[in-house]
């Protein structure tokens, strides 16, 4: 079984989205703890999308 090295881009994108969602949940919760941001699903989702796009542009491209 030979590995091609790069992997399937779909798997990388799903992992990127899942890890970005987990990290943004913790990040927004921490900011809401100090009353710097509201802990809402919209805030978490927007932060996750921002992190996923940033990760894609910096790492996966």
PDB file of N, CA and C in Angstrom:
ATOM      1  N   UNK A   1       0.835  -1.171   0.000  1.00  0.00           N
ATOM      2  CA  UNK A   1       0.000   0.000   0.000  1.00  0.00           C
ATOM      3  C   UNK A   1       0.889   1.247   0.000  1.00  0.00           C
ATOM      4  N   UNK A   2       0.896   1.961  -1.056  1.00  0.00           N
ATOM      5  CA  UNK A   2       1.737   3.149  -1.188  1.00  0.00           C
ATOM      6  C   UNK A   2       0.915   4.391  -0.888  1.00  0.00           C
ATOM      7  N   UNK A   3       1.467   5.279  -0.105  1.00  0.00           N
ATOM      8  CA  UNK A   3       0.804   6.538   0.209  1.00  0.00           C
ATOM      9  C   UNK A   3       1.240   7.579  -0.811  1.00  0.00           C
ATOM     10  N   UNK A   4       0.275   8.387  -1.280  1.00  0.00           N
ATOM     11  CA  UNK A   4       0.614   9.392  -2.277  1.00  0.00           C
ATOM     12  C   UNK A   4       1.150  10.680  -1.665  1.00  0.00           C
ATOM     13  N   UNK A   5       1.097  10.822  -0.356  1.00  0.00           N
ATOM     14  CA  UNK A   5       1.744  11.952   0.305  1.00  0.00           C
ATOM     15  C   UNK A   5       0.828  13.105   0.659  1.00  0.00           C
ATOM     16  N   UNK A   6       0.000  13.563  -0.259  1.00  0.00           N
ATOM     17  CA  UNK A   6      -0.813  14.752  -0.007  1.00  0.00           C
ATOM     18  C   UNK A   6      -2.109  14.441   0.723  1.00  0.00           C
ATOM     19  N   UNK A   7      -2.719  13.341   0.454  1.00  0.00           N
ATOM     20  CA  UNK A   7      -3.999  13.013   1.073  1.00  0.00           C
ATOM     21  C   UNK A   7      -5.155  13.586   0.283  1.00  0.00           C
ATOM     22  N   UNK A   8      -6.342  13.230   0.687  1.00  0.00           N
ATOM     23  CA  UNK A   8      -7.558  13.688   0.017  1.00  0.00           C
ATOM     24  C   UNK A   8      -7.917  15.076   0.533  1.00  0.00           C
ATOM     25  N   UNK A   9      -8.094  16.016  -0.370  1.00  0.00           N
ATOM     26  CA  UNK A   9      -8.383  17.397   0.009  1.00  0.00           C
ATOM     27  C   UNK A   9      -9.705  17.505   0.771  1.00  0.00           C
ATOM     28  N   UNK A  10     -10.666  16.626   0.469  1.00  0.00           N
ATOM     29  CA  UNK A  10     -11.954  16.679   1.165  1.00  0.00           C
ATOM     30  C   UNK A  10     -11.795  16.354   2.641  1.00  0.00           C
ATOM     31  N   UNK A  11     -10.943  15.398   2.938  1.00  0.00           N
ATOM     32  CA  UNK A  11     -10.693  15.035   4.338  1.00  0.00           C
ATOM     33  C   UNK A  11     -10.008  16.198   5.049  1.00  0.00           C
ATOM     34  N   UNK A  12      -9.060  16.826   4.387  1.00  0.00           N
ATOM     35  CA  UNK A  12      -8.370  17.970   4.988  1.00  0.00           C
ATOM     36  C   UNK A  12      -9.329  19.130   5.246  1.00  0.00           C
ATOM     37  N   UNK A  13     -10.236  19.373   4.316  1.00  0.00           N
ATOM     38  CA  UNK A  13     -11.193  20.470   4.504  1.00  0.00           C
ATOM     39  C   UNK A  13     -12.173  20.186   5.638  1.00  0.00           C
ATOM     40  N   UNK A  14     -12.638  18.948   5.747  1.00  0.00           N
ATOM     41  CA  UNK A  14     -13.553  18.588   6.843  1.00  0.00           C
ATOM     42  C   UNK A  14     -12.837  18.703   8.180  1.00  0.00           C
ATOM     43  N   UNK A  15     -11.607  18.213   8.251  1.00  0.00           N
ATOM     44  CA  UNK A  15     -10.845  18.350   9.494  1.00  0.00           C
ATOM     45  C   UNK A  15     -10.600  19.815   9.838  1.00  0.00           C
ATOM     46  N   UNK A  16     -10.303  20.609   8.825  1.00  0.00           N
ATOM     47  CA  UNK A  16     -10.102  22.040   9.032  1.00  0.00           C
ATOM     48  C   UNK A  16     -11.356  22.680   9.611  1.00  0.00           C
ATOM     49  N   UNK A  17     -12.519  22.363   9.040  1.00  0.00           N
ATOM     50  CA  UNK A  17     -13.765  22.939   9.537  1.00  0.00           C
ATOM     51  C   UNK A  17     -14.089  22.473  10.954  1.00  0.00           C
ATOM     52  N   UNK A  18     -13.904  21.195  11.229  1.00  0.00           N
ATOM     53  CA  UNK A  18     -14.211  20.673  12.566  1.00  0.00           C
ATOM     54  C   UNK A  18     -13.287  21.254  13.631  1.00  0.00           C
ATOM     55  N   UNK A  19     -12.002  21.309  13.335  1.00  0.00           N
ATOM     56  CA  UNK A  19     -11.061  21.867  14.306  1.00  0.00           C
ATOM     57  C   UNK A  19     -11.255  23.366  14.479  1.00  0.00           C
ATOM     58  N   UNK A  20     -11.582  24.065  13.402  1.00  0.00           N
ATOM     59  CA  UNK A  20     -11.873  25.495  13.506  1.00  0.00           C
ATOM     60  C   UNK A  20     -13.118  25.741  14.344  1.00  0.00           C
ATOM     61  N   UNK A  21     -14.122  24.885  14.182  1.00  0.00           N
ATOM     62  CA  UNK A  21     -15.345  25.023  14.977  1.00  0.00           C
ATOM     63  C   UNK A  21     -15.071  24.778  16.457  1.00  0.00           C
ATOM     64  N   UNK A  22     -14.292  23.756  16.753  1.00  0.00           N
ATOM     65  CA  UNK A  22     -13.960  23.463  18.154  1.00  0.00           C
ATOM     66  C   UNK A  22     -13.148  24.602  18.765  1.00  0.00           C
ATOM     67  N   UNK A  23     -12.147  25.074  18.041  1.00  0.00           N
ATOM     68  CA  UNK A  23     -11.308  26.152  18.573  1.00  0.00           C
ATOM     69  C   UNK A  23     -12.102  27.444  18.722  1.00  0.00           C
ATOM     70  N   UNK A  24     -12.956  27.754  17.748  1.00  0.00           N
ATOM     71  CA  UNK A  24     -13.727  28.990  17.848  1.00  0.00           C
ATOM     72  C   UNK A  24     -14.746  28.926  18.985  1.00  0.00           C
ATOM     73  N   UNK A  25     -15.283  27.745  19.275  1.00  0.00           N
ATOM     74  CA  UNK A  25     -16.200  27.604  20.409  1.00  0.00           C
ATOM     75  C   UNK A  25     -15.490  27.952  21.710  1.00  0.00           C
ATOM     76  N   UNK A  26     -14.292  27.419  21.888  1.00  0.00           N
ATOM     77  CA  UNK A  26     -13.514  27.715  23.094  1.00  0.00           C
ATOM     78  C   UNK A  26     -13.111  29.189  23.124  1.00  0.00           C
ATOM     79  N   UNK A  27     -12.697  29.713  21.992  1.00  0.00           N
ATOM     80  CA  UNK A  27     -12.262  31.109  21.923  1.00  0.00           C
ATOM     81  C   UNK A  27     -13.402  32.068  22.250  1.00  0.00           C
ATOM     82  N   UNK A  28     -14.555  31.867  21.629  1.00  0.00           N
ATOM     83  CA  UNK A  28     -15.696  32.761  21.874  1.00  0.00           C
ATOM     84  C   UNK A  28     -16.217  32.596  23.301  1.00  0.00           C
ATOM     85  N   UNK A  29     -16.195  31.359  23.826  1.00  0.00           N
ATOM     86  CA  UNK A  29     -16.607  31.163  25.213  1.00  0.00           C
ATOM     87  C   UNK A  29     -15.677  31.939  26.156  1.00  0.00           C
ATOM     88  N   UNK A  30     -14.379  31.872  25.896  1.00  0.00           N
ATOM     89  CA  UNK A  30     -13.423  32.615  26.719  1.00  0.00           C
ATOM     90  C   UNK A  30     -13.630  34.116  26.629  1.00  0.00           C
ATOM     91  N   UNK A  31     -13.892  34.603  25.423  1.00  0.00           N
ATOM     92  CA  UNK A  31     -14.158  36.040  25.271  1.00  0.00           C
ATOM     93  C   UNK A  31     -15.458  36.444  25.959  1.00  0.00           C
ATOM     94  N   UNK A  32     -16.451  35.573  25.927  1.00  0.00           N
ATOM     95  CA  UNK A  32     -17.709  35.897  26.603  1.00  0.00           C
ATOM     96  C   UNK A  32     -17.559  35.836  28.122  1.00  0.00           C
ATOM     97  N   UNK A  33     -16.649  35.003  28.594  1.00  0.00           N
ATOM     98  CA  UNK A  33     -16.382  34.930  30.029  1.00  0.00           C
ATOM     99  C   UNK A  33     -15.883  36.274  30.549  1.00  0.00           C
ATOM    100  N   UNK A  34     -15.072  36.962  29.733  1.00  0.00           N
ATOM    101  CA  UNK A  34     -14.567  38.286  30.094  1.00  0.00           C
ATOM    102  C   UNK A  34     -15.430  39.405  29.526  1.00  0.00           C
ATOM    103  N   UNK A  35     -16.607  39.041  29.020  1.00  0.00           N
ATOM    104  CA  UNK A  35     -17.588  39.981  28.483  1.00  0.00           C
ATOM    105  C   UNK A  35     -17.023  40.823  27.345  1.00  0.00           C
ATOM    106  N   UNK A  36     -16.221  40.193  26.476  1.00  0.00           N
ATOM    107  CA  UNK A  36     -15.669  40.879  25.310  1.00  0.00           C
ATOM    108  C   UNK A  36     -16.418  40.517  24.036  1.00  0.00           C
ATOM    109  N   UNK A  37     -17.196  39.433  24.060  1.00  0.00           N
ATOM    110  CA  UNK A  37     -17.987  39.002  22.910  1.00  0.00           C
ATOM    111  C   UNK A  37     -19.184  38.204  23.416  1.00  0.00           C
ATOM    112  N   UNK A  38     -20.215  38.168  22.609  1.00  0.00           N
ATOM    113  CA  UNK A  38     -21.409  37.401  22.962  1.00  0.00           C
ATOM    114  C   UNK A  38     -21.233  35.951  22.508  1.00  0.00           C
ATOM    115  N   UNK A  39     -21.572  35.018  23.387  1.00  0.00           N
ATOM    116  CA  UNK A  39     -21.482  33.600  23.056  1.00  0.00           C
ATOM    117  C   UNK A  39     -22.793  33.170  22.411  1.00  0.00           C
ATOM    118  N   UNK A  40     -22.864  33.341  21.088  1.00  0.00           N
ATOM    119  CA  UNK A  40     -24.042  32.950  20.321  1.00  0.00           C
ATOM    120  C   UNK A  40     -23.599  32.002  19.205  1.00  0.00           C
ATOM    121  N   UNK A  41     -24.516  31.197  18.701  1.00  0.00           N
ATOM    122  CA  UNK A  41     -24.145  30.316  17.583  1.00  0.00           C
ATOM    123  C   UNK A  41     -23.626  31.088  16.366  1.00  0.00           C
ATOM    124  N   UNK A  42     -24.176  32.260  16.124  1.00  0.00           N
ATOM    125  CA  UNK A  42     -23.721  33.068  14.988  1.00  0.00           C
ATOM    126  C   UNK A  42     -22.275  33.522  15.173  1.00  0.00           C
ATOM    127  N   UNK A  43     -21.921  33.967  16.364  1.00  0.00           N
ATOM    128  CA  UNK A  43     -20.556  34.402  16.633  1.00  0.00           C
ATOM    129  C   UNK A  43     -19.576  33.241  16.491  1.00  0.00           C
ATOM    130  N   UNK A  44     -19.954  32.091  17.026  1.00  0.00           N
ATOM    131  CA  UNK A  44     -19.097  30.907  16.931  1.00  0.00           C
ATOM    132  C   UNK A  44     -18.930  30.499  15.468  1.00  0.00           C
ATOM    133  N   UNK A  45     -20.021  30.494  14.715  1.00  0.00           N
ATOM    134  CA  UNK A  45     -19.971  30.090  13.311  1.00  0.00           C
ATOM    135  C   UNK A  45     -19.128  31.053  12.476  1.00  0.00           C
ATOM    136  N   UNK A  46     -19.307  32.340  12.679  1.00  0.00           N
ATOM    137  CA  UNK A  46     -18.515  33.321  11.930  1.00  0.00           C
ATOM    138  C   UNK A  46     -17.030  33.211  12.262  1.00  0.00           C
ATOM    139  N   UNK A  47     -16.722  32.998  13.522  1.00  0.00           N
ATOM    140  CA  UNK A  47     -15.332  32.825  13.920  1.00  0.00           C
ATOM    141  C   UNK A  47     -14.753  31.549  13.317  1.00  0.00           C
ATOM    142  N   UNK A  48     -15.532  30.483  13.289  1.00  0.00           N
ATOM    143  CA  UNK A  48     -15.074  29.214  12.717  1.00  0.00           C
ATOM    144  C   UNK A  48     -14.816  29.349  11.221  1.00  0.00           C
ATOM    145  N   UNK A  49     -15.700  30.022  10.515  1.00  0.00           N
ATOM    146  CA  UNK A  49     -15.512  30.222   9.078  1.00  0.00           C
ATOM    147  C   UNK A  49     -14.268  31.065   8.826  1.00  0.00           C
ATOM    148  N   UNK A  50     -14.088  32.111   9.602  1.00  0.00           N
ATOM    149  CA  UNK A  50     -12.899  32.949   9.465  1.00  0.00           C
ATOM    150  C   UNK A  50     -11.623  32.133   9.696  1.00  0.00           C
ATOM    151  N   UNK A  51     -11.602  31.325  10.743  1.00  0.00           N
ATOM    152  CA  UNK A  51     -10.421  30.510  11.027  1.00  0.00           C
ATOM    153  C   UNK A  51     -10.180  29.455   9.953  1.00  0.00           C
ATOM    154  N   UNK A  52     -11.249  28.856   9.441  1.00  0.00           N
ATOM    155  CA  UNK A  52     -11.114  27.833   8.402  1.00  0.00           C
ATOM    156  C   UNK A  52     -10.556  28.437   7.115  1.00  0.00           C
ATOM    157  N   UNK A  53     -11.056  29.597   6.737  1.00  0.00           N
ATOM    158  CA  UNK A  53     -10.554  30.263   5.529  1.00  0.00           C
ATOM    159  C   UNK A  53      -9.104  30.695   5.721  1.00  0.00           C
ATOM    160  N   UNK A  54      -8.799  31.230   6.878  1.00  0.00           N
ATOM    161  CA  UNK A  54      -7.430  31.640   7.167  1.00  0.00           C
ATOM    162  C   UNK A  54      -6.474  30.446   7.134  1.00  0.00           C
ATOM    163  N   UNK A  55      -6.886  29.345   7.715  1.00  0.00           N
ATOM    164  CA  UNK A  55      -6.069  28.128   7.695  1.00  0.00           C
ATOM    165  C   UNK A  55      -5.885  27.620   6.277  1.00  0.00           C
ATOM    166  N   UNK A  56      -6.950  27.640   5.499  1.00  0.00           N
ATOM    167  CA  UNK A  56      -6.853  27.181   4.107  1.00  0.00           C
ATOM    168  C   UNK A  56      -5.863  28.034   3.327  1.00  0.00           C
ATOM    169  N   UNK A  57      -5.962  29.340   3.485  1.00  0.00           N
ATOM    170  CA  UNK A  57      -5.090  30.235   2.734  1.00  0.00           C
ATOM    171  C   UNK A  57      -3.621  30.116   3.163  1.00  0.00           C
ATOM    172  N   UNK A  58      -3.386  29.923   4.459  1.00  0.00           N
ATOM    173  CA  UNK A  58      -2.019  29.887   4.955  1.00  0.00           C
ATOM    174  C   UNK A  58      -1.358  28.522   4.877  1.00  0.00           C
ATOM    175  N   UNK A  59      -2.143  27.450   5.001  1.00  0.00           N
ATOM    176  CA  UNK A  59      -1.551  26.118   5.124  1.00  0.00           C
ATOM    177  C   UNK A  59      -1.826  25.223   3.922  1.00  0.00           C
ATOM    178  N   UNK A  60      -3.068  25.140   3.509  1.00  0.00           N
ATOM    179  CA  UNK A  60      -3.442  24.142   2.525  1.00  0.00           C
ATOM    180  C   UNK A  60      -3.166  24.547   1.086  1.00  0.00           C
ATOM    181  N   UNK A  61      -2.976  25.808   0.832  1.00  0.00           N
ATOM    182  CA  UNK A  61      -2.722  26.248  -0.545  1.00  0.00           C
ATOM    183  C   UNK A  61      -1.312  26.063  -0.943  1.00  0.00           C
TER     184      UNK A  61
END
